[in-house]
Amino acid sequence: MNKLRNVIQTLFHLETQIKFQIETLNKVFENDKILNQIKHDGFFKNKISFRDSLNSIISNYTIISFCSFLEEYTKFFTPSYVEAEFS
């Protein structure tokens, strides 16, 4: 039962992270004009906008978090696992 509690806590944690990341992405789009005024230094100076780089980083992390959520969910909430664990 302790394992199940830990899995559920992990799922809630991942859900919260995903919600935060999506909310942050929405703010990036809402503040498009402000973020496009910020410029990178060095190699990326004229290659990608700051807004696009934020969008890419947050989107990629959201995909990783969502895949982690799905992996955790399917690993512990499939019928075969539940039957073996609680029979």
PDB file of N, CA and C in Angstrom:
ATOM      1  N   MET A   1       0.826  -1.192   0.000  1.00  0.00           N
ATOM      2  CA  MET A   1       0.000   0.000   0.000  1.00  0.00           C
ATOM      3  C   MET A   1       0.872   1.259   0.000  1.00  0.00           C
ATOM      4  N   ASN A   2       2.032   1.171   0.637  1.00  0.00           N
ATOM      5  CA  ASN A   2       2.958   2.297   0.668  1.00  0.00           C
ATOM      6  C   ASN A   2       3.426   2.655  -0.747  1.00  0.00           C
ATOM      7  N   LYS A   3       3.676   1.623  -1.552  1.00  0.00           N
ATOM      8  CA  LYS A   3       4.107   1.840  -2.938  1.00  0.00           C
ATOM      9  C   LYS A   3       3.020   2.581  -3.723  1.00  0.00           C
ATOM     10  N   LEU A   4       1.769   2.171  -3.534  1.00  0.00           N
ATOM     11  CA  LEU A   4       0.653   2.819  -4.216  1.00  0.00           C
ATOM     12  C   LEU A   4       0.549   4.292  -3.821  1.00  0.00           C
ATOM     13  N   ARG A   5       0.722   4.574  -2.545  1.00  0.00           N
ATOM     14  CA  ARG A   5       0.673   5.959  -2.071  1.00  0.00           C
ATOM     15  C   ARG A   5       1.782   6.793  -2.714  1.00  0.00           C
ATOM     16  N   ASN A   6       2.975   6.218  -2.814  1.00  0.00           N
ATOM     17  CA  ASN A   6       4.096   6.924  -3.448  1.00  0.00           C
ATOM     18  C   ASN A   6       3.837   7.184  -4.930  1.00  0.00           C
ATOM     19  N   VAL A   7       3.240   6.205  -5.601  1.00  0.00           N
ATOM     20  CA  VAL A   7       2.925   6.371  -7.021  1.00  0.00           C
ATOM     21  C   VAL A   7       1.901   7.486  -7.206  1.00  0.00           C
ATOM     22  N   ILE A   8       0.873   7.500  -6.381  1.00  0.00           N
ATOM     23  CA  ILE A   8      -0.159   8.535  -6.480  1.00  0.00           C
ATOM     24  C   ILE A   8       0.431   9.913  -6.185  1.00  0.00           C
ATOM     25  N   GLN A   9       1.310  10.005  -5.198  1.00  0.00           N
ATOM     26  CA  GLN A   9       1.972  11.282  -4.908  1.00  0.00           C
ATOM     27  C   GLN A   9       2.811  11.745  -6.096  1.00  0.00           C
ATOM     28  N   THR A  10       3.506  10.806  -6.718  1.00  0.00           N
ATOM     29  CA  THR A  10       4.309  11.139  -7.895  1.00  0.00           C
ATOM     30  C   THR A  10       3.428  11.644  -9.029  1.00  0.00           C
ATOM     31  N   LEU A  11       2.298  10.978  -9.246  1.00  0.00           N
ATOM     32  CA  LEU A  11       1.381  11.404 -10.308  1.00  0.00           C
ATOM     33  C   LEU A  11       0.829  12.802 -10.039  1.00  0.00           C
ATOM     34  N   PHE A  12       0.463  13.075  -8.798  1.00  0.00           N
ATOM     35  CA  PHE A  12      -0.024  14.414  -8.460  1.00  0.00           C
ATOM     36  C   PHE A  12       1.072  15.467  -8.642  1.00  0.00           C
ATOM     37  N   HIS A  13       2.293  15.107  -8.266  1.00  0.00           N
ATOM     38  CA  HIS A  13       3.419  16.028  -8.441  1.00  0.00           C
ATOM     39  C   HIS A  13       3.640  16.332  -9.925  1.00  0.00           C
ATOM     40  N   LEU A  14       3.636  15.292 -10.751  1.00  0.00           N
ATOM     41  CA  LEU A  14       3.824  15.490 -12.184  1.00  0.00           C
ATOM     42  C   LEU A  14       2.673  16.295 -12.788  1.00  0.00           C
ATOM     43  N   GLU A  15       1.458  16.023 -12.327  1.00  0.00           N
ATOM     44  CA  GLU A  15       0.302  16.782 -12.810  1.00  0.00           C
ATOM     45  C   GLU A  15       0.463  18.273 -12.498  1.00  0.00           C
ATOM     46  N   THR A  16       0.902  18.572 -11.288  1.00  0.00           N
ATOM     47  CA  THR A  16       1.109  19.963 -10.887  1.00  0.00           C
ATOM     48  C   THR A  16       2.187  20.621 -11.742  1.00  0.00           C
ATOM     49  N   GLN A  17       3.274  19.903 -11.983  1.00  0.00           N
ATOM     50  CA  GLN A  17       4.340  20.441 -12.832  1.00  0.00           C
ATOM     51  C   GLN A  17       3.825  20.738 -14.236  1.00  0.00           C
ATOM     52  N   ILE A  18       3.058  19.807 -14.798  1.00  0.00           N
ATOM     53  CA  ILE A  18       2.537  19.979 -16.154  1.00  0.00           C
ATOM     54  C   ILE A  18       1.596  21.184 -16.219  1.00  0.00           C
ATOM     55  N   LYS A  19       0.728  21.315 -15.229  1.00  0.00           N
ATOM     56  CA  LYS A  19      -0.178  22.473 -15.193  1.00  0.00           C
ATOM     57  C   LYS A  19       0.610  23.781 -15.122  1.00  0.00           C
ATOM     58  N   PHE A  20       1.646  23.809 -14.290  1.00  0.00           N
ATOM     59  CA  PHE A  20       2.476  25.008 -14.167  1.00  0.00           C
ATOM     60  C   PHE A  20       3.179  25.331 -15.484  1.00  0.00           C
ATOM     61  N   GLN A  21       3.704  24.313 -16.142  1.00  0.00           N
ATOM     62  CA  GLN A  21       4.401  24.519 -17.406  1.00  0.00           C
ATOM     63  C   GLN A  21       3.453  25.054 -18.477  1.00  0.00           C
ATOM     64  N   ILE A  22       2.244  24.522 -18.533  1.00  0.00           N
ATOM     65  CA  ILE A  22       1.263  24.992 -19.513  1.00  0.00           C
ATOM     66  C   ILE A  22       0.850  26.433 -19.207  1.00  0.00           C
ATOM     67  N   GLU A  23       0.659  26.729 -17.932  1.00  0.00           N
ATOM     68  CA  GLU A  23       0.323  28.104 -17.543  1.00  0.00           C
ATOM     69  C   GLU A  23       1.453  29.063 -17.917  1.00  0.00           C
ATOM     70  N   THR A  24       2.678  28.632 -17.716  1.00  0.00           N
ATOM     71  CA  THR A  24       3.833  29.454 -18.076  1.00  0.00           C
ATOM     72  C   THR A  24       3.904  29.664 -19.585  1.00  0.00           C
ATOM     73  N   LEU A  25       3.639  28.609 -20.359  1.00  0.00           N
ATOM     74  CA  LEU A  25       3.606  28.750 -21.819  1.00  0.00           C
ATOM     75  C   LEU A  25       2.545  29.756 -22.254  1.00  0.00           C
ATOM     76  N   ASN A  26       1.393  29.706 -21.613  1.00  0.00           N
ATOM     77  CA  ASN A  26       0.335  30.670 -21.935  1.00  0.00           C
ATOM     78  C   ASN A  26       0.798  32.098 -21.667  1.00  0.00           C
ATOM     79  N   LYS A  27       1.525  32.304 -20.567  1.00  0.00           N
ATOM     80  CA  LYS A  27       2.047  33.638 -20.254  1.00  0.00           C
ATOM     81  C   LYS A  27       3.106  34.073 -21.268  1.00  0.00           C
ATOM     82  N   VAL A  28       3.890  33.121 -21.750  1.00  0.00           N
ATOM     83  CA  VAL A  28       4.878  33.441 -22.782  1.00  0.00           C
ATOM     84  C   VAL A  28       4.164  33.978 -24.020  1.00  0.00           C
ATOM     85  N   PHE A  29       3.079  33.328 -24.418  1.00  0.00           N
ATOM     86  CA  PHE A  29       2.331  33.788 -25.597  1.00  0.00           C
ATOM     87  C   PHE A  29       1.622  35.116 -25.340  1.00  0.00           C
ATOM     88  N   GLU A  30       1.119  35.303 -24.127  1.00  0.00           N
ATOM     89  CA  GLU A  30       0.436  36.558 -23.794  1.00  0.00           C
ATOM     90  C   GLU A  30       1.394  37.752 -23.798  1.00  0.00           C
ATOM     91  N   ASN A  31       2.645  37.509 -23.450  1.00  0.00           N
ATOM     92  CA  ASN A  31       3.641  38.581 -23.356  1.00  0.00           C
ATOM     93  C   ASN A  31       4.630  38.534 -24.515  1.00  0.00           C
ATOM     94  N   ASP A  32       4.122  38.166 -25.649  1.00  0.00           N
ATOM     95  CA  ASP A  32       4.915  37.997 -26.858  1.00  0.00           C
ATOM     96  C   ASP A  32       5.753  39.228 -27.188  1.00  0.00           C
ATOM     97  N   LYS A  33       5.147  40.398 -27.176  1.00  0.00           N
ATOM     98  CA  LYS A  33       5.850  41.629 -27.571  1.00  0.00           C
ATOM     99  C   LYS A  33       6.983  41.970 -26.612  1.00  0.00           C
ATOM    100  N   ILE A  34       6.743  41.784 -25.337  1.00  0.00           N
ATOM    101  CA  ILE A  34       7.771  42.087 -24.331  1.00  0.00           C
ATOM    102  C   ILE A  34       8.948  41.125 -24.467  1.00  0.00           C
ATOM    103  N   LEU A  35       8.651  39.838 -24.595  1.00  0.00           N
ATOM    104  CA  LEU A  35       9.713  38.832 -24.658  1.00  0.00           C
ATOM    105  C   LEU A  35      10.511  38.915 -25.954  1.00  0.00           C
ATOM    106  N   ASN A  36       9.886  39.349 -27.031  1.00  0.00           N
ATOM    107  CA  ASN A  36      10.618  39.497 -28.293  1.00  0.00           C
ATOM    108  C   ASN A  36      11.602  40.656 -28.258  1.00  0.00           C
ATOM    109  N   GLN A  37      11.464  41.563 -27.301  1.00  0.00           N
ATOM    110  CA  GLN A  37      12.410  42.673 -27.166  1.00  0.00           C
ATOM    111  C   GLN A  37      13.709  42.229 -26.497  1.00  0.00           C
ATOM    112  N   ILE A  38      13.667  41.124 -25.773  1.00  0.00           N
ATOM    113  CA  ILE A  38      14.866  40.607 -25.102  1.00  0.00           C
ATOM    114  C   ILE A  38      15.694  39.847 -26.130  1.00  0.00           C
ATOM    115  N   LYS A  39      16.971  40.123 -26.178  1.00  0.00           N
ATOM    116  CA  LYS A  39      17.866  39.491 -27.151  1.00  0.00           C
ATOM    117  C   LYS A  39      18.897  38.629 -26.437  1.00  0.00           C
ATOM    118  N   HIS A  40      19.245  37.529 -27.087  1.00  0.00           N
ATOM    119  CA  HIS A  40      20.319  36.672 -26.581  1.00  0.00           C
ATOM    120  C   HIS A  40      21.669  37.332 -26.846  1.00  0.00           C
ATOM    121  N   ASP A  41      22.652  36.960 -26.052  1.00  0.00           N
ATOM    122  CA  ASP A  41      24.031  37.373 -26.286  1.00  0.00           C
ATOM    123  C   ASP A  41      24.774  36.213 -26.933  1.00  0.00           C
ATOM    124  N   GLY A  42      25.896  36.493 -27.508  1.00  0.00           N
ATOM    125  CA  GLY A  42      26.762  35.440 -28.022  1.00  0.00           C
ATOM    126  C   GLY A  42      26.227  34.768 -29.277  1.00  0.00           C
ATOM    127  N   PHE A  43      26.436  33.478 -29.354  1.00  0.00           N
ATOM    128  CA  PHE A  43      26.140  32.696 -30.556  1.00  0.00           C
ATOM    129  C   PHE A  43      24.688  32.818 -31.009  1.00  0.00           C
ATOM    130  N   PHE A  44      23.749  32.846 -30.091  1.00  0.00           N
ATOM    131  CA  PHE A  44      22.328  32.845 -30.443  1.00  0.00           C
ATOM    132  C   PHE A  44      21.746  34.249 -30.637  1.00  0.00           C
ATOM    133  N   LYS A  45      22.593  35.253 -30.647  1.00  0.00           N
ATOM    134  CA  LYS A  45      22.142  36.647 -30.689  1.00  0.00           C
ATOM    135  C   LYS A  45      21.121  36.923 -31.793  1.00  0.00           C
ATOM    136  N   ASN A  46      21.397  36.510 -33.012  1.00  0.00           N
ATOM    137  CA  ASN A  46      20.485  36.784 -34.125  1.00  0.00           C
ATOM    138  C   ASN A  46      19.860  35.513 -34.694  1.00  0.00           C
ATOM    139  N   LYS A  47      19.924  34.427 -33.966  1.00  0.00           N
ATOM    140  CA  LYS A  47      19.456  33.153 -34.498  1.00  0.00           C
ATOM    141  C   LYS A  47      18.066  32.757 -34.017  1.00  0.00           C
ATOM    142  N   ILE A  48      17.722  33.069 -32.792  1.00  0.00           N
ATOM    143  CA  ILE A  48      16.421  32.679 -32.248  1.00  0.00           C
ATOM    144  C   ILE A  48      15.968  33.752 -31.255  1.00  0.00           C
ATOM    145  N   SER A  49      14.688  34.029 -31.268  1.00  0.00           N
ATOM    146  CA  SER A  49      14.180  35.043 -30.335  1.00  0.00           C
ATOM    147  C   SER A  49      14.107  34.460 -28.925  1.00  0.00           C
ATOM    148  N   PHE A  50      14.115  35.334 -27.957  1.00  0.00           N
ATOM    149  CA  PHE A  50      14.034  34.898 -26.564  1.00  0.00           C
ATOM    150  C   PHE A  50      12.709  34.185 -26.305  1.00  0.00           C
ATOM    151  N   ARG A  51      11.614  34.705 -26.884  1.00  0.00           N
ATOM    152  CA  ARG A  51      10.303  34.081 -26.715  1.00  0.00           C
ATOM    153  C   ARG A  51      10.296  32.669 -27.292  1.00  0.00           C
ATOM    154  N   ASP A  52      10.880  32.501 -28.478  1.00  0.00           N
ATOM    155  CA  ASP A  52      10.924  31.176 -29.096  1.00  0.00           C
ATOM    156  C   ASP A  52      11.782  30.206 -28.293  1.00  0.00           C
ATOM    157  N   SER A  53      12.873  30.701 -27.729  1.00  0.00           N
ATOM    158  CA  SER A  53      13.712  29.811 -26.922  1.00  0.00           C
ATOM    159  C   SER A  53      12.995  29.397 -25.641  1.00  0.00           C
ATOM    160  N   LEU A  54      12.287  30.344 -25.003  1.00  0.00           N
ATOM    161  CA  LEU A  54      11.487  29.984 -23.825  1.00  0.00           C
ATOM    162  C   LEU A  54      10.410  28.977 -24.187  1.00  0.00           C
ATOM    163  N   ASN A  55       9.736  29.233 -25.294  1.00  0.00           N
ATOM    164  CA  ASN A  55       8.694  28.336 -25.753  1.00  0.00           C
ATOM    165  C   ASN A  55       9.246  26.927 -25.980  1.00  0.00           C
ATOM    166  N   SER A  56      10.388  26.821 -26.625  1.00  0.00           N
ATOM    167  CA  SER A  56      10.993  25.516 -26.908  1.00  0.00           C
ATOM    168  C   SER A  56      11.389  24.781 -25.640  1.00  0.00           C
ATOM    169  N   ILE A  57      12.050  25.486 -24.741  1.00  0.00           N
ATOM    170  CA  ILE A  57      12.518  24.855 -23.507  1.00  0.00           C
ATOM    171  C   ILE A  57      11.346  24.360 -22.666  1.00  0.00           C
ATOM    172  N   ILE A  58      10.349  25.205 -22.486  1.00  0.00           N
ATOM    173  CA  ILE A  58       9.205  24.823 -21.653  1.00  0.00           C
ATOM    174  C   ILE A  58       8.392  23.723 -22.330  1.00  0.00           C
ATOM    175  N   SER A  59       8.208  23.812 -23.645  1.00  0.00           N
ATOM    176  CA  SER A  59       7.463  22.778 -24.368  1.00  0.00           C
ATOM    177  C   SER A  59       8.153  21.423 -24.265  1.00  0.00           C
ATOM    178  N   ASN A  60       9.464  21.413 -24.450  1.00  0.00           N
ATOM    179  CA  ASN A  60      10.207  20.153 -24.354  1.00  0.00           C
ATOM    180  C   ASN A  60      10.106  19.557 -22.956  1.00  0.00           C
ATOM    181  N   TYR A  61      10.239  20.391 -21.951  1.00  0.00           N
ATOM    182  CA  TYR A  61      10.140  19.902 -20.577  1.00  0.00           C
ATOM    183  C   TYR A  61       8.729  19.399 -20.272  1.00  0.00           C
ATOM    184  N   THR A  62       7.714  20.039 -20.853  1.00  0.00           N
ATOM    185  CA  THR A  62       6.336  19.594 -20.662  1.00  0.00           C
ATOM    186  C   THR A  62       6.132  18.222 -21.283  1.00  0.00           C
ATOM    187  N   ILE A  63       6.683  18.002 -22.457  1.00  0.00           N
ATOM    188  CA  ILE A  63       6.574  16.693 -23.107  1.00  0.00           C
ATOM    189  C   ILE A  63       7.248  15.622 -22.263  1.00  0.00           C
ATOM    190  N   ILE A  64       8.424  15.917 -21.736  1.00  0.00           N
ATOM    191  CA  ILE A  64       9.132  14.959 -20.877  1.00  0.00           C
ATOM    192  C   ILE A  64       8.309  14.660 -19.625  1.00  0.00           C
ATOM    193  N   SER A  65       7.739  15.681 -19.016  1.00  0.00           N
ATOM    194  CA  SER A  65       6.912  15.487 -17.816  1.00  0.00           C
ATOM    195  C   SER A  65       5.680  14.653 -18.132  1.00  0.00           C
ATOM    196  N   PHE A  66       5.051  14.927 -19.264  1.00  0.00           N
ATOM    197  CA  PHE A  66       3.860  14.178 -19.650  1.00  0.00           C
ATOM    198  C   PHE A  66       4.200  12.714 -19.922  1.00  0.00           C
ATOM    199  N   CYS A  67       5.320  12.460 -20.583  1.00  0.00           N
ATOM    200  CA  CYS A  67       5.756  11.078 -20.821  1.00  0.00           C
ATOM    201  C   CYS A  67       6.053  10.370 -19.498  1.00  0.00           C
ATOM    202  N   SER A  68       6.646  11.070 -18.555  1.00  0.00           N
ATOM    203  CA  SER A  68       6.902  10.494 -17.230  1.00  0.00           C
ATOM    204  C   SER A  68       5.598  10.147 -16.534  1.00  0.00           C
ATOM    205  N   PHE A  69       4.616  11.039 -16.650  1.00  0.00           N
ATOM    206  CA  PHE A  69       3.301  10.781 -16.065  1.00  0.00           C
ATOM    207  C   PHE A  69       2.692   9.524 -16.675  1.00  0.00           C
ATOM    208  N   LEU A  70       2.701   9.434 -17.996  1.00  0.00           N
ATOM    209  CA  LEU A  70       2.123   8.265 -18.670  1.00  0.00           C
ATOM    210  C   LEU A  70       2.852   6.981 -18.305  1.00  0.00           C
ATOM    211  N   GLU A  71       4.170   7.047 -18.233  1.00  0.00           N
ATOM    212  CA  GLU A  71       4.953   5.868 -17.879  1.00  0.00           C
ATOM    213  C   GLU A  71       4.621   5.397 -16.463  1.00  0.00           C
ATOM    214  N   GLU A  72       4.572   6.327 -15.540  1.00  0.00           N
ATOM    215  CA  GLU A  72       4.250   5.991 -14.147  1.00  0.00           C
ATOM    216  C   GLU A  72       2.836   5.421 -14.054  1.00  0.00           C
ATOM    217  N   TYR A  73       1.910   6.037 -14.751  1.00  0.00           N
ATOM    218  CA  TYR A  73       0.513   5.593 -14.712  1.00  0.00           C
ATOM    219  C   TYR A  73       0.366   4.194 -15.306  1.00  0.00           C
ATOM    220  N   THR A  74       0.917   3.975 -16.495  1.00  0.00           N
ATOM    221  CA  THR A  74       0.741   2.674 -17.147  1.00  0.00           C
ATOM    222  C   THR A  74       1.507   1.567 -16.433  1.00  0.00           C
ATOM    223  N   LYS A  75       2.585   1.931 -15.770  1.00  0.00           N
ATOM    224  CA  LYS A  75       3.376   0.927 -15.055  1.00  0.00           C
ATOM    225  C   LYS A  75       2.626   0.389 -13.836  1.00  0.00           C
ATOM    226  N   PHE A  76       1.887   1.243 -13.157  1.00  0.00           N
ATOM    227  CA  PHE A  76       1.275   0.838 -11.898  1.00  0.00           C
ATOM    228  C   PHE A  76      -0.241   0.715 -11.934  1.00  0.00           C
ATOM    229  N   PHE A  77      -0.880   1.086 -13.008  1.00  0.00           N
ATOM    230  CA  PHE A  77      -2.333   1.012 -13.047  1.00  0.00           C
ATOM    231  C   PHE A  77      -2.858   0.172 -14.200  1.00  0.00           C
ATOM    232  N   THR A  78      -2.072  -0.793 -14.649  1.00  0.00           N
ATOM    233  CA  THR A  78      -2.557  -1.752 -15.636  1.00  0.00           C
ATOM    234  C   THR A  78      -3.245  -2.887 -14.896  1.00  0.00           C
ATOM    235  N   PRO A  79      -4.217  -3.537 -15.521  1.00  0.00           N
ATOM    236  CA  PRO A  79      -4.918  -4.640 -14.844  1.00  0.00           C
ATOM    237  C   PRO A  79      -3.983  -5.743 -14.360  1.00  0.00           C
ATOM    238  N   SER A  80      -2.972  -6.089 -15.148  1.00  0.00           N
ATOM    239  CA  SER A  80      -2.067  -7.170 -14.740  1.00  0.00           C
ATOM    240  C   SER A  80      -1.286  -6.805 -13.475  1.00  0.00           C
ATOM    241  N   TYR A  81      -0.836  -5.554 -13.360  1.00  0.00           N
ATOM    242  CA  TYR A  81      -0.099  -5.138 -12.169  1.00  0.00           C
ATOM    243  C   TYR A  81      -1.009  -5.110 -10.950  1.00  0.00           C
ATOM    244  N   VAL A  82      -2.186  -4.553 -11.102  1.00  0.00           N
ATOM    245  CA  VAL A  82      -3.118  -4.443  -9.980  1.00  0.00           C
ATOM    246  C   VAL A  82      -3.538  -5.827  -9.502  1.00  0.00           C
ATOM    247  N   GLU A  83      -3.821  -6.738 -10.435  1.00  0.00           N
ATOM    248  CA  GLU A  83      -4.202  -8.103 -10.050  1.00  0.00           C
ATOM    249  C   GLU A  83      -3.067  -8.796  -9.315  1.00  0.00           C
ATOM    250  N   ALA A  84      -1.852  -8.667  -9.820  1.00  0.00           N
ATOM    251  CA  ALA A  84      -0.706  -9.324  -9.182  1.00  0.00           C
ATOM    252  C   ALA A  84      -0.410  -8.727  -7.812  1.00  0.00           C
ATOM    253  N   GLU A  85      -0.562  -7.441  -7.682  1.00  0.00           N
ATOM    254  CA  GLU A  85      -0.216  -6.758  -6.435  1.00  0.00           C
ATOM    255  C   GLU A  85      -1.269  -6.933  -5.355  1.00  0.00           C
ATOM    256  N   PHE A  86      -2.528  -6.937  -5.732  1.00  0.00           N
ATOM    257  CA  PHE A  86      -3.596  -6.903  -4.738  1.00  0.00           C
ATOM    258  C   PHE A  86      -4.461  -8.156  -4.708  1.00  0.00           C
ATOM    259  N   SER A  87      -4.034  -9.217  -5.363  1.00  0.00           N
ATOM    260  CA  SER A  87      -4.806 -10.469  -5.319  1.00  0.00           C
ATOM    261  C   SER A  87      -4.393 -11.328  -4.148  1.00  0.00           C
TER     262      SER A  87
END
